[in-house]
Structures are given as structure tokens and as C-alpha cells.
Amino acid sequence: VSTQSTWASKVKSNIIQVADERRKSNMYKLYNLTPRQLKSSPIFKLWTDDALNRVIAIAKPTVFHEGAILLTEGKMDDRGYFLARGKIRIESIGFESTIIHPTSMFGECTLLFLEPSPITATSISTTEVWELNRKEFTELAIGEPSLFLHSKAIANSNRSWRLPRPAPQDLIEWGILPPELHNDLTLLKHLQAQLIPRVYDSSSMIVDFDDKCLDIFFLQQGEVRTAWTTYNEGDCIGVYEVLREQQAWSNSFKAVRRCHCWILTKDSLWEAIEKSTAANQSLFAEYRYLVSMRNDVIFPTNSAHKNSKKKIKL
């Protein structure tokens, strides 16, 4: 009985393998990948048809069955996929799962960057995909440097909205508000809602010398350098320049490794503080005076382990 069972299992496996090979062959006829389909993905939107045809040439037809895991969140991978037939469940910790359908692309981050997958992708039916390998794709994309960088920028922009939003308390820890406003929950929540997420890839310029000073950057993860200073997780960039209403940056700020930032615009900060202190104009005037007179910006926080002060690097 055991021998018969083993034989039957091998026969079944061979039948499935033959069927899968046939599906792969038929993909070239029934679900042929085209530049127009690839352009439906934001990372390929600006690519030329000629460049996309070279991408198509390295795409491999692949078949997965129900329950197969194509990508696992937190694990290294080197593939991206274009879904030709079937359904894929996309999951990520802290987010609702979604089901994607044919002509959708997934795994862009593992295709573009050497990093763990930010998602888990599971086949919920027999699925046919076009598979792209990162090494082959990178070798091809190096010949299109501007398009390659644009694709990375789009991927970073898309995932920036997945960053965990700082809590209102973090605004106090960053030291941009005077103690008199620490208990103004309406102000804190308003400023929290105004924060804009941004991801910068390694070697990206965050701000360049002589750019206008319009934003404060809160570094949630990563490392930024100027010619004289290094900024790490938890540091703020631009507080001095923005609060002093400096017209242009006197340094260039460059990401040494991928940076997760939250940006607060100068207009949002001043408008919120002015509105919050409307009933106390002397407080607003004192705040502006302290900013204009001090060589650095230091406001007390509630962090006892930091000597009750948060220093902002200038």
C-alpha cells in the first residue's frame, strides 16, 4: 500500500508539473506582458516602451498554487511580480489585508532595494505571474539611471504613508514648543495632523545649500550628515533655521542611509502657534523673541532622563 501511495503521489506531482509548464507556455500567448501593462505601475510610469521591452525580456512566467507564499514580511527577497492571472492576498503588520487582481504589480521594494520585504504576499488561487529578479533588473536599470532613480523615489513615496505617525507627546520631546503650550492638546493634535511623511533613500539629498528654509525635519529612522554634523534617530533638522526665519539653508543635508522623516512646514507651525496664543499675545511675542535672541533653541520637555530638556542640533 505504501509503495502504491508513493507511486500515486509521484504521478500526481508529475501531472501538476506538466500542467504548470503548459500554463507557463500559454502565458506568452494568453497573458503576454506589454509596456502598457507595466506602465500601470507607478514605478514604471515614465519608462519608455523600449526600456520596458527590455524589462519584459527578463520577466519569467511562474505559476503558484493556492496557499503558496511569494513574499514574507521581514524576510530578505530579490523578486518583484506582475500578476497575470489569479488573486494574491497582501498583508502587513498594522494594516488591513487587501486582495489584488490581474494587471497589478507587487514586491516593488524587494525588486528595487536590497532589504527585507515590507509585505507578505500569499496566493489564494492558482496564480500566474511574471517574475522579475532584482539582480537582472538592476543590471538592466543601470543603463537607465534617471528612470531607475525615479522608480526608487516613487517606491519610497508610496511607502512613506505607511510610516507610524508620531504621537502628540513627540512634538513636546522635539522641543519646538514652549512649556506654556505643552498642555494644549488641541494644538498638539493639530500639528500632529499636519506632519508629512517622507522616505529618503541612501545618498539622497534632503535639502541642498541655498534652498529656501521651509520645513522642519524630524528624523524617525536613519542617518543624515552635513559637512560638520551627523543627525540620527530622534534628531530634528531645521528648527533653528525655520524658527529664526532664515531665508536659505547654509548647509547641504544628505541621507547616509535610508531615512524615515516627518516634515512640519514653517507655515503650519507658525499658524498653529499664533492661533493657540491668540488670547495671549505676550506669550507669542516672547516666543518669537527667545527664538530670535538665542544661539540655539532649547525648550524644556517632560523627559526626566534627558535632564528635562531637548536640545535641537543646529
C-alpha atoms as a PDB file:
ATOM      1  CA  VAL A   1       0.000   0.000   0.000  1.00  0.00           C
ATOM      2  CA  SER A   2       2.852   2.325   0.878  1.00  0.00           C
ATOM      3  CA  THR A   3       4.517   1.710  -2.494  1.00  0.00           C
ATOM      4  CA  GLN A   4       1.251   2.370  -4.341  1.00  0.00           C
ATOM      5  CA  SER A   5       0.703   5.569  -2.352  1.00  0.00           C
ATOM      6  CA  THR A   6       4.215   6.798  -3.163  1.00  0.00           C
ATOM      7  CA  TRP A   7       3.737   5.942  -6.830  1.00  0.00           C
ATOM      8  CA  ALA A   8       0.371   7.740  -6.947  1.00  0.00           C
ATOM      9  CA  SER A   9       1.898  10.793  -5.272  1.00  0.00           C
ATOM     10  CA  LYS A  10       4.699  10.911  -7.845  1.00  0.00           C
ATOM     11  CA  VAL A  11       2.234  10.568 -10.703  1.00  0.00           C
ATOM     12  CA  LYS A  12       0.114  13.406  -9.291  1.00  0.00           C
ATOM     13  CA  SER A  13       3.200  15.569  -8.825  1.00  0.00           C
ATOM     14  CA  ASN A  14       4.290  14.904 -12.405  1.00  0.00           C
ATOM     15  CA  ILE A  15       0.833  15.765 -13.735  1.00  0.00           C
ATOM     16  CA  ILE A  16       0.834  19.059 -11.813  1.00  0.00           C
ATOM     17  CA  GLN A  17       4.339  19.843 -13.042  1.00  0.00           C
ATOM     18  CA  VAL A  18       3.370  19.183 -16.670  1.00  0.00           C
ATOM     19  CA  ALA A  19       0.226  21.305 -16.251  1.00  0.00           C
ATOM     20  CA  ASP A  20       2.256  24.148 -14.737  1.00  0.00           C
ATOM     21  CA  GLU A  21       4.762  24.072 -17.597  1.00  0.00           C
ATOM     22  CA  ARG A  22       1.868  24.263 -20.034  1.00  0.00           C
ATOM     23  CA  ARG A  23       0.432  27.237 -18.148  1.00  0.00           C
ATOM     24  CA  LYS A  24       3.805  28.978 -18.330  1.00  0.00           C
ATOM     25  CA  SER A  25       4.000  28.424 -22.096  1.00  0.00           C
ATOM     26  CA  ASN A  26       0.447  29.649 -22.575  1.00  0.00           C
ATOM     27  CA  MET A  27       1.212  32.861 -20.648  1.00  0.00           C
ATOM     28  CA  TYR A  28       3.165  34.132 -23.668  1.00  0.00           C
ATOM     29  CA  LYS A  29       0.005  33.724 -25.763  1.00  0.00           C
ATOM     30  CA  LEU A  30      -2.803  34.483 -23.328  1.00  0.00           C
ATOM     31  CA  TYR A  31      -1.241  36.905 -20.848  1.00  0.00           C
ATOM     32  CA  ASN A  32       1.665  38.398 -22.749  1.00  0.00           C
ATOM     33  CA  LEU A  33       3.272  41.235 -20.796  1.00  0.00           C
ATOM     34  CA  THR A  34       3.281  44.611 -22.572  1.00  0.00           C
ATOM     35  CA  PRO A  35       4.794  48.061 -21.919  1.00  0.00           C
ATOM     36  CA  ARG A  36       1.299  49.458 -21.478  1.00  0.00           C
ATOM     37  CA  GLN A  37       0.580  46.978 -18.671  1.00  0.00           C
ATOM     38  CA  LEU A  38       3.847  47.752 -16.892  1.00  0.00           C
ATOM     39  CA  LYS A  39       3.125  51.483 -17.087  1.00  0.00           C
ATOM     40  CA  SER A  40       0.057  50.877 -14.913  1.00  0.00           C
ATOM     41  CA  SER A  41       2.567  50.509 -12.060  1.00  0.00           C
ATOM     42  CA  PRO A  42       3.706  53.921 -10.752  1.00  0.00           C
ATOM     43  CA  ILE A  43       7.367  52.841 -10.703  1.00  0.00           C
ATOM     44  CA  PHE A  44       7.305  52.336 -14.487  1.00  0.00           C
ATOM     45  CA  LYS A  45       5.062  55.242 -15.449  1.00  0.00           C
ATOM     46  CA  LEU A  46       7.853  57.351 -17.006  1.00  0.00           C
ATOM     47  CA  TRP A  47       9.752  54.496 -18.622  1.00  0.00           C
ATOM     48  CA  THR A  48       9.913  54.398 -22.421  1.00  0.00           C
ATOM     49  CA  ASP A  49       8.480  51.489 -24.384  1.00  0.00           C
ATOM     50  CA  ASP A  50      11.979  50.489 -25.494  1.00  0.00           C
ATOM     51  CA  ALA A  51      13.204  50.346 -21.890  1.00  0.00           C
ATOM     52  CA  LEU A  52      10.118  48.416 -20.807  1.00  0.00           C
ATOM     53  CA  ASN A  53      10.549  45.915 -23.614  1.00  0.00           C
ATOM     54  CA  ARG A  54      13.972  45.146 -22.154  1.00  0.00           C
ATOM     55  CA  VAL A  55      12.328  44.639 -18.768  1.00  0.00           C
ATOM     56  CA  ILE A  56       9.775  42.304 -20.351  1.00  0.00           C
ATOM     57  CA  ALA A  57      12.598  40.288 -21.915  1.00  0.00           C
ATOM     58  CA  ILE A  58      13.900  39.297 -18.446  1.00  0.00           C
ATOM     59  CA  ALA A  59      10.454  38.584 -16.944  1.00  0.00           C
ATOM     60  CA  LYS A  60       9.876  34.874 -16.279  1.00  0.00           C
ATOM     61  CA  PRO A  61       6.449  33.183 -16.334  1.00  0.00           C
ATOM     62  CA  THR A  62       5.803  31.495 -12.988  1.00  0.00           C
ATOM     63  CA  VAL A  63       2.879  29.531 -11.526  1.00  0.00           C
ATOM     64  CA  PHE A  64       1.884  29.347  -7.845  1.00  0.00           C
ATOM     65  CA  HIS A  65      -0.875  27.300  -6.283  1.00  0.00           C
ATOM     66  CA  GLU A  66      -3.348  28.202  -3.543  1.00  0.00           C
ATOM     67  CA  GLY A  67      -1.589  28.825  -0.239  1.00  0.00           C
ATOM     68  CA  ALA A  68       1.837  29.480  -1.757  1.00  0.00           C
ATOM     69  CA  ILE A  69       3.735  32.346  -0.086  1.00  0.00           C
ATOM     70  CA  LEU A  70       5.522  34.515  -2.626  1.00  0.00           C
ATOM     71  CA  LEU A  71       6.906  37.131  -0.197  1.00  0.00           C
ATOM     72  CA  THR A  72       7.196  37.138   3.593  1.00  0.00           C
ATOM     73  CA  GLU A  73       7.251  40.353   5.609  1.00  0.00           C
ATOM     74  CA  GLY A  74      10.609  40.883   7.303  1.00  0.00           C
ATOM     75  CA  LYS A  75      12.478  38.328   5.186  1.00  0.00           C
ATOM     76  CA  MET A  76      15.009  39.139   2.504  1.00  0.00           C
ATOM     77  CA  ASP A  77      13.903  38.564  -1.052  1.00  0.00           C
ATOM     78  CA  ASP A  78      15.018  39.608  -4.507  1.00  0.00           C
ATOM     79  CA  ARG A  79      11.902  39.441  -6.639  1.00  0.00           C
ATOM     80  CA  GLY A  80       9.035  41.587  -7.833  1.00  0.00           C
ATOM     81  CA  TYR A  81       5.896  40.317  -9.549  1.00  0.00           C
ATOM     82  CA  PHE A  82       3.316  41.339 -12.114  1.00  0.00           C
ATOM     83  CA  LEU A  83       0.039  39.455 -11.609  1.00  0.00           C
ATOM     84  CA  ALA A  84      -1.307  37.985 -14.872  1.00  0.00           C
ATOM     85  CA  ARG A  85      -3.989  35.605 -13.573  1.00  0.00           C
ATOM     86  CA  GLY A  86      -5.425  34.689 -10.162  1.00  0.00           C
ATOM     87  CA  LYS A  87      -5.576  36.504  -6.825  1.00  0.00           C
ATOM     88  CA  ILE A  88      -2.972  37.490  -4.234  1.00  0.00           C
ATOM     89  CA  ARG A  89      -3.556  38.490  -0.614  1.00  0.00           C
ATOM     90  CA  ILE A  90      -1.259  41.299   0.571  1.00  0.00           C
ATOM     91  CA  GLU A  91      -0.699  41.580   4.339  1.00  0.00           C
ATOM     92  CA  SER A  92       1.450  43.813   6.536  1.00  0.00           C
ATOM     93  CA  ILE A  93       1.550  44.203  10.307  1.00  0.00           C
ATOM     94  CA  GLY A  94      -0.601  47.134  11.393  1.00  0.00           C
ATOM     95  CA  PHE A  95      -2.567  47.330   8.137  1.00  0.00           C
ATOM     96  CA  GLU A  96      -5.682  45.662   6.778  1.00  0.00           C
ATOM     97  CA  SER A  97      -5.077  42.874   4.270  1.00  0.00           C
ATOM     98  CA  THR A  98      -6.006  43.530   0.651  1.00  0.00           C
ATOM     99  CA  ILE A  99      -6.689  41.322  -2.353  1.00  0.00           C
ATOM    100  CA  ILE A 100      -5.056  42.276  -5.629  1.00  0.00           C
ATOM    101  CA  HIS A 101      -6.174  41.155  -9.071  1.00  0.00           C
ATOM    102  CA  PRO A 102      -4.591  40.759 -12.530  1.00  0.00           C
ATOM    103  CA  THR A 103      -2.552  43.617 -14.034  1.00  0.00           C
ATOM    104  CA  SER A 104      -1.354  44.599 -10.544  1.00  0.00           C
ATOM    105  CA  MET A 105       2.293  44.718  -9.518  1.00  0.00           C
ATOM    106  CA  PHE A 106       3.632  43.844  -6.062  1.00  0.00           C
ATOM    107  CA  GLY A 107       7.048  43.386  -4.477  1.00  0.00           C
ATOM    108  CA  GLU A 108       8.409  46.663  -5.883  1.00  0.00           C
ATOM    109  CA  CYS A 109      10.549  47.312  -2.780  1.00  0.00           C
ATOM    110  CA  THR A 110      12.292  43.927  -2.889  1.00  0.00           C
ATOM    111  CA  LEU A 111      12.862  44.460  -6.608  1.00  0.00           C
ATOM    112  CA  LEU A 112      14.345  47.941  -6.236  1.00  0.00           C
ATOM    113  CA  PHE A 113      16.126  47.741  -2.867  1.00  0.00           C
ATOM    114  CA  LEU A 114      18.346  45.283  -1.006  1.00  0.00           C
ATOM    115  CA  GLU A 115      16.086  44.957   2.025  1.00  0.00           C
ATOM    116  CA  PRO A 116      13.517  42.695   3.721  1.00  0.00           C
ATOM    117  CA  SER A 117      10.052  42.563   2.222  1.00  0.00           C
ATOM    118  CA  PRO A 118       7.580  45.020   3.819  1.00  0.00           C
ATOM    119  CA  ILE A 119       4.654  42.730   2.919  1.00  0.00           C
ATOM    120  CA  THR A 120       3.530  39.107   2.929  1.00  0.00           C
ATOM    121  CA  ALA A 121       2.050  38.011  -0.402  1.00  0.00           C
ATOM    122  CA  THR A 122       0.027  34.768  -0.475  1.00  0.00           C
ATOM    123  CA  SER A 123      -1.656  33.112  -3.431  1.00  0.00           C
ATOM    124  CA  ILE A 124      -5.349  32.430  -2.743  1.00  0.00           C
ATOM    125  CA  SER A 125      -5.927  30.606  -6.031  1.00  0.00           C
ATOM    126  CA  THR A 126      -3.870  29.108  -8.809  1.00  0.00           C
ATOM    127  CA  THR A 127      -1.883  32.159  -9.803  1.00  0.00           C
ATOM    128  CA  GLU A 128       0.184  33.049 -12.846  1.00  0.00           C
ATOM    129  CA  VAL A 129       2.706  35.853 -12.528  1.00  0.00           C
ATOM    130  CA  TRP A 130       5.572  37.439 -14.398  1.00  0.00           C
ATOM    131  CA  GLU A 131       8.589  37.329 -12.102  1.00  0.00           C
ATOM    132  CA  LEU A 132      11.412  39.893 -12.133  1.00  0.00           C
ATOM    133  CA  ASN A 133      14.760  39.189 -10.467  1.00  0.00           C
ATOM    134  CA  ARG A 134      16.462  42.139  -8.714  1.00  0.00           C
ATOM    135  CA  LYS A 135      19.977  41.368  -9.943  1.00  0.00           C
ATOM    136  CA  GLU A 136      18.892  41.100 -13.582  1.00  0.00           C
ATOM    137  CA  PHE A 137      16.632  44.127 -13.277  1.00  0.00           C
ATOM    138  CA  THR A 138      19.344  46.255 -11.630  1.00  0.00           C
ATOM    139  CA  GLU A 139      21.867  45.372 -14.331  1.00  0.00           C
ATOM    140  CA  LEU A 140      19.323  46.499 -16.909  1.00  0.00           C
ATOM    141  CA  ALA A 141      18.198  49.609 -14.988  1.00  0.00           C
ATOM    142  CA  ILE A 142      21.753  50.905 -14.550  1.00  0.00           C
ATOM    143  CA  GLY A 143      21.584  51.737 -18.256  1.00  0.00           C
ATOM    144  CA  GLU A 144      18.582  53.971 -17.484  1.00  0.00           C
ATOM    145  CA  PRO A 145      19.872  55.824 -14.372  1.00  0.00           C
ATOM    146  CA  SER A 146      17.333  58.658 -14.338  1.00  0.00           C
ATOM    147  CA  LEU A 147      14.414  56.252 -14.738  1.00  0.00           C
ATOM    148  CA  PHE A 148      15.859  53.913 -12.118  1.00  0.00           C
ATOM    149  CA  LEU A 149      16.187  56.743  -9.584  1.00  0.00           C
ATOM    150  CA  HIS A 150      12.659  57.909 -10.380  1.00  0.00           C
ATOM    151  CA  SER A 151      11.324  54.390  -9.761  1.00  0.00           C
ATOM    152  CA  LYS A 152      13.063  54.309  -6.372  1.00  0.00           C
ATOM    153  CA  ALA A 153      11.703  57.744  -5.480  1.00  0.00           C
ATOM    154  CA  ILE A 154       8.150  56.641  -6.339  1.00  0.00           C
ATOM    155  CA  ALA A 155       8.505  53.446  -4.287  1.00  0.00           C
ATOM    156  CA  ASN A 156       9.767  55.465  -1.309  1.00  0.00           C
ATOM    157  CA  SER A 157       6.947  57.961  -1.690  1.00  0.00           C
ATOM    158  CA  ASN A 158       4.344  55.180  -1.731  1.00  0.00           C
ATOM    159  CA  ARG A 159       5.651  53.550   1.409  1.00  0.00           C
ATOM    160  CA  SER A 160       6.147  56.806   3.293  1.00  0.00           C
ATOM    161  CA  TRP A 161       2.432  56.790   4.047  1.00  0.00           C
ATOM    162  CA  ARG A 162       2.906  53.528   5.928  1.00  0.00           C
ATOM    163  CA  LEU A 163       5.224  55.127   8.492  1.00  0.00           C
ATOM    164  CA  PRO A 164       3.909  55.179  12.088  1.00  0.00           C
ATOM    165  CA  ARG A 165       2.690  58.697  12.804  1.00  0.00           C
ATOM    166  CA  PRO A 166       4.393  60.376  15.793  1.00  0.00           C
ATOM    167  CA  ALA A 167       2.281  60.886  18.907  1.00  0.00           C
ATOM    168  CA  PRO A 168       1.368  64.393  20.138  1.00  0.00           C
ATOM    169  CA  GLN A 169       3.831  63.891  23.008  1.00  0.00           C
ATOM    170  CA  ASP A 170       6.657  63.590  20.467  1.00  0.00           C
ATOM    171  CA  LEU A 171       6.102  67.207  19.450  1.00  0.00           C
ATOM    172  CA  ILE A 172       6.973  68.201  23.005  1.00  0.00           C
ATOM    173  CA  GLU A 173      10.032  65.930  23.048  1.00  0.00           C
ATOM    174  CA  TRP A 174      11.271  67.538  19.843  1.00  0.00           C
ATOM    175  CA  GLY A 175      11.497  70.815  21.707  1.00  0.00           C
ATOM    176  CA  ILE A 176       9.794  73.132  19.224  1.00  0.00           C
ATOM    177  CA  LEU A 177       7.142  74.383  21.671  1.00  0.00           C
ATOM    178  CA  PRO A 178       7.492  76.496  24.818  1.00  0.00           C
ATOM    179  CA  PRO A 179       6.350  74.873  28.109  1.00  0.00           C
ATOM    180  CA  GLU A 180       3.239  77.080  28.227  1.00  0.00           C
ATOM    181  CA  LEU A 181       1.862  75.187  25.213  1.00  0.00           C
ATOM    182  CA  HIS A 182       2.681  71.643  26.336  1.00  0.00           C
ATOM    183  CA  ASN A 183      -0.807  71.079  27.724  1.00  0.00           C
ATOM    184  CA  ASP A 184      -2.597  72.491  24.673  1.00  0.00           C
ATOM    185  CA  LEU A 185      -3.867  69.152  23.327  1.00  0.00           C
ATOM    186  CA  THR A 186      -5.785  70.852  20.515  1.00  0.00           C
ATOM    187  CA  LEU A 187      -2.565  72.449  19.265  1.00  0.00           C
ATOM    188  CA  LEU A 188      -0.597  69.208  19.593  1.00  0.00           C
ATOM    189  CA  LYS A 189      -3.180  67.178  17.693  1.00  0.00           C
ATOM    190  CA  HIS A 190      -3.415  69.843  15.016  1.00  0.00           C
ATOM    191  CA  LEU A 191       0.354  69.848  14.498  1.00  0.00           C
ATOM    192  CA  GLN A 192       0.385  66.038  14.516  1.00  0.00           C
ATOM    193  CA  ALA A 193      -2.165  66.030  11.686  1.00  0.00           C
ATOM    194  CA  GLN A 194      -0.027  68.482   9.706  1.00  0.00           C
ATOM    195  CA  LEU A 195       3.034  66.195   9.688  1.00  0.00           C
ATOM    196  CA  ILE A 196       4.001  64.918   6.247  1.00  0.00           C
ATOM    197  CA  PRO A 197       5.789  61.540   5.948  1.00  0.00           C
ATOM    198  CA  ARG A 198       8.799  61.236   3.666  1.00  0.00           C
ATOM    199  CA  VAL A 199      11.302  58.462   2.909  1.00  0.00           C
ATOM    200  CA  TYR A 200      14.738  59.324   1.533  1.00  0.00           C
ATOM    201  CA  ASP A 201      16.925  56.654   0.010  1.00  0.00           C
ATOM    202  CA  SER A 202      20.601  56.321   0.875  1.00  0.00           C
ATOM    203  CA  SER A 203      22.707  59.127  -0.668  1.00  0.00           C
ATOM    204  CA  SER A 204      19.608  61.242  -1.391  1.00  0.00           C
ATOM    205  CA  MET A 205      19.842  64.998  -0.849  1.00  0.00           C
ATOM    206  CA  ILE A 206      17.279  66.086   1.741  1.00  0.00           C
ATOM    207  CA  VAL A 207      17.945  69.802   1.327  1.00  0.00           C
ATOM    208  CA  ASP A 208      20.675  71.478  -0.650  1.00  0.00           C
ATOM    209  CA  PHE A 209      22.742  74.537   0.122  1.00  0.00           C
ATOM    210  CA  ASP A 210      20.859  77.771  -0.620  1.00  0.00           C
ATOM    211  CA  ASP A 211      17.437  76.068  -0.866  1.00  0.00           C
ATOM    212  CA  LYS A 212      14.668  78.010   0.858  1.00  0.00           C
ATOM    213  CA  CYS A 213      14.105  77.134   4.543  1.00  0.00           C
ATOM    214  CA  LEU A 214      10.515  75.994   4.549  1.00  0.00           C
ATOM    215  CA  ASP A 215      10.418  72.801   6.630  1.00  0.00           C
ATOM    216  CA  ILE A 216      11.471  71.164   9.886  1.00  0.00           C
ATOM    217  CA  PHE A 217      12.533  67.521   9.570  1.00  0.00           C
ATOM    218  CA  PHE A 218      12.036  65.015  12.389  1.00  0.00           C
ATOM    219  CA  LEU A 219      14.266  62.007  11.818  1.00  0.00           C
ATOM    220  CA  GLN A 220      12.374  58.874  12.831  1.00  0.00           C
ATOM    221  CA  GLN A 221      14.941  56.459  11.402  1.00  0.00           C
ATOM    222  CA  GLY A 222      18.228  56.691   9.522  1.00  0.00           C
ATOM    223  CA  GLU A 223      21.238  58.996   9.445  1.00  0.00           C
ATOM    224  CA  VAL A 224      21.796  62.427   7.886  1.00  0.00           C
ATOM    225  CA  ARG A 225      25.068  64.319   7.533  1.00  0.00           C
ATOM    226  CA  THR A 226      26.310  67.765   6.689  1.00  0.00           C
ATOM    227  CA  ALA A 227      29.947  68.741   6.310  1.00  0.00           C
ATOM    228  CA  TRP A 228      30.146  69.197  10.119  1.00  0.00           C
ATOM    229  CA  THR A 229      27.251  67.407  11.792  1.00  0.00           C
ATOM    230  CA  THR A 230      25.634  63.959  11.938  1.00  0.00           C
ATOM    231  CA  TYR A 231      21.933  63.558  12.736  1.00  0.00           C
ATOM    232  CA  ASN A 232      20.464  60.283  13.979  1.00  0.00           C
ATOM    233  CA  GLU A 233      17.128  58.814  15.009  1.00  0.00           C
ATOM    234  CA  GLY A 234      15.209  61.261  17.203  1.00  0.00           C
ATOM    235  CA  ASP A 235      17.036  64.376  15.986  1.00  0.00           C
ATOM    236  CA  CYS A 236      15.415  67.422  14.426  1.00  0.00           C
ATOM    237  CA  ILE A 237      16.753  69.279  11.402  1.00  0.00           C
ATOM    238  CA  GLY A 238      15.886  72.860  10.590  1.00  0.00           C
ATOM    239  CA  VAL A 239      14.388  74.062  13.869  1.00  0.00           C
ATOM    240  CA  TYR A 240      16.892  76.875  14.232  1.00  0.00           C
ATOM    241  CA  GLU A 241      16.624  77.909  10.578  1.00  0.00           C
ATOM    242  CA  VAL A 242      12.826  77.844  10.465  1.00  0.00           C
ATOM    243  CA  LEU A 243      12.159  79.482  13.845  1.00  0.00           C
ATOM    244  CA  ARG A 244      14.671  82.210  13.077  1.00  0.00           C
ATOM    245  CA  GLU A 245      13.021  82.548   9.645  1.00  0.00           C
ATOM    246  CA  GLN A 246      16.319  82.094   7.879  1.00  0.00           C
ATOM    247  CA  GLN A 247      15.785  82.575   4.164  1.00  0.00           C
ATOM    248  CA  ALA A 248      18.057  79.799   2.828  1.00  0.00           C
ATOM    249  CA  TRP A 249      19.897  76.748   4.114  1.00  0.00           C
ATOM    250  CA  SER A 250      23.560  77.338   4.892  1.00  0.00           C
ATOM    251  CA  ASN A 251      24.382  73.613   4.609  1.00  0.00           C
ATOM    252  CA  SER A 252      23.521  70.628   2.459  1.00  0.00           C
ATOM    253  CA  PHE A 253      21.855  67.705   4.258  1.00  0.00           C
ATOM    254  CA  LYS A 254      22.385  64.250   2.776  1.00  0.00           C
ATOM    255  CA  ALA A 255      20.975  60.855   3.801  1.00  0.00           C
ATOM    256  CA  VAL A 256      23.803  58.468   4.667  1.00  0.00           C
ATOM    257  CA  ARG A 257      21.353  55.565   4.830  1.00  0.00           C
ATOM    258  CA  ARG A 258      17.623  55.344   4.225  1.00  0.00           C
ATOM    259  CA  CYS A 259      15.791  57.932   6.313  1.00  0.00           C
ATOM    260  CA  HIS A 260      12.221  57.972   7.555  1.00  0.00           C
ATOM    261  CA  CYS A 261      11.230  61.576   8.247  1.00  0.00           C
ATOM    262  CA  TRP A 262       8.211  63.567   9.299  1.00  0.00           C
ATOM    263  CA  ILE A 263       8.070  67.086   7.928  1.00  0.00           C
ATOM    264  CA  LEU A 264       6.375  70.093   9.515  1.00  0.00           C
ATOM    265  CA  THR A 265       6.160  73.151   7.300  1.00  0.00           C
ATOM    266  CA  LYS A 266       7.076  76.573   8.621  1.00  0.00           C
ATOM    267  CA  ASP A 267       3.655  77.969   7.717  1.00  0.00           C
ATOM    268  CA  SER A 268       1.835  75.169   9.574  1.00  0.00           C
ATOM    269  CA  LEU A 269       3.907  75.708  12.719  1.00  0.00           C
ATOM    270  CA  TRP A 270       3.596  79.488  12.893  1.00  0.00           C
ATOM    271  CA  GLU A 271      -0.098  79.499  12.004  1.00  0.00           C
ATOM    272  CA  ALA A 272      -0.891  76.936  14.718  1.00  0.00           C
ATOM    273  CA  ILE A 273       1.165  78.678  17.411  1.00  0.00           C
ATOM    274  CA  GLU A 274      -0.224  82.110  16.578  1.00  0.00           C
ATOM    275  CA  LYS A 275      -3.770  80.753  16.721  1.00  0.00           C
ATOM    276  CA  SER A 276      -3.102  78.943  20.005  1.00  0.00           C
ATOM    277  CA  THR A 277      -1.662  82.084  21.618  1.00  0.00           C
ATOM    278  CA  ALA A 278      -4.329  84.444  20.222  1.00  0.00           C
ATOM    279  CA  ALA A 279      -5.594  85.143  23.728  1.00  0.00           C
ATOM    280  CA  ASN A 280      -2.056  85.726  24.973  1.00  0.00           C
ATOM    281  CA  GLN A 281      -0.183  87.902  22.521  1.00  0.00           C
ATOM    282  CA  SER A 282       2.608  88.493  25.027  1.00  0.00           C
ATOM    283  CA  LEU A 283       3.362  84.757  25.042  1.00  0.00           C
ATOM    284  CA  PHE A 284       3.595  84.706  21.261  1.00  0.00           C
ATOM    285  CA  ALA A 285       5.836  87.782  21.273  1.00  0.00           C
ATOM    286  CA  GLU A 286       8.042  86.248  23.978  1.00  0.00           C
ATOM    287  CA  TYR A 287       8.315  83.021  21.977  1.00  0.00           C
ATOM    288  CA  ARG A 288       9.444  84.903  18.875  1.00  0.00           C
ATOM    289  CA  TYR A 289      11.870  86.977  20.930  1.00  0.00           C
ATOM    290  CA  LEU A 290      13.513  83.921  22.541  1.00  0.00           C
ATOM    291  CA  VAL A 291      13.914  82.336  19.143  1.00  0.00           C
ATOM    292  CA  SER A 292      15.493  85.422  17.641  1.00  0.00           C
ATOM    293  CA  MET A 293      17.936  86.039  20.503  1.00  0.00           C
ATOM    294  CA  ARG A 294      19.268  82.585  21.349  1.00  0.00           C
ATOM    295  CA  ASN A 295      22.153  80.926  19.544  1.00  0.00           C
ATOM    296  CA  ASP A 296      20.444  77.583  19.885  1.00  0.00           C
ATOM    297  CA  VAL A 297      16.845  76.540  20.535  1.00  0.00           C
ATOM    298  CA  ILE A 298      16.151  74.732  23.803  1.00  0.00           C
ATOM    299  CA  PHE A 299      12.693  74.246  25.245  1.00  0.00           C
ATOM    300  CA  PRO A 300      12.034  72.126  28.363  1.00  0.00           C
ATOM    301  CA  THR A 301      10.320  68.764  27.828  1.00  0.00           C
ATOM    302  CA  ASN A 302       8.815  66.153  30.102  1.00  0.00           C
ATOM    303  CA  SER A 303      11.731  63.726  29.710  1.00  0.00           C
ATOM    304  CA  ALA A 304      13.411  63.459  33.096  1.00  0.00           C
ATOM    305  CA  HIS A 305      16.021  61.086  31.724  1.00  0.00           C
ATOM    306  CA  LYS A 306      17.145  63.874  29.388  1.00  0.00           C
ATOM    307  CA  ASN A 307      17.545  66.382  32.235  1.00  0.00           C
ATOM    308  CA  SER A 308      14.127  67.752  31.337  1.00  0.00           C
ATOM    309  CA  LYS A 309      15.467  69.367  28.168  1.00  0.00           C
ATOM    310  CA  LYS A 310      15.525  68.502  24.487  1.00  0.00           C
ATOM    311  CA  LYS A 311      18.370  70.089  22.567  1.00  0.00           C
ATOM    312  CA  ILE A 312      17.916  70.714  18.900  1.00  0.00           C
ATOM    313  CA  LYS A 313      21.025  70.272  16.779  1.00  0.00           C
ATOM    314  CA  LEU A 314      21.787  73.341  14.744  1.00  0.00           C
END
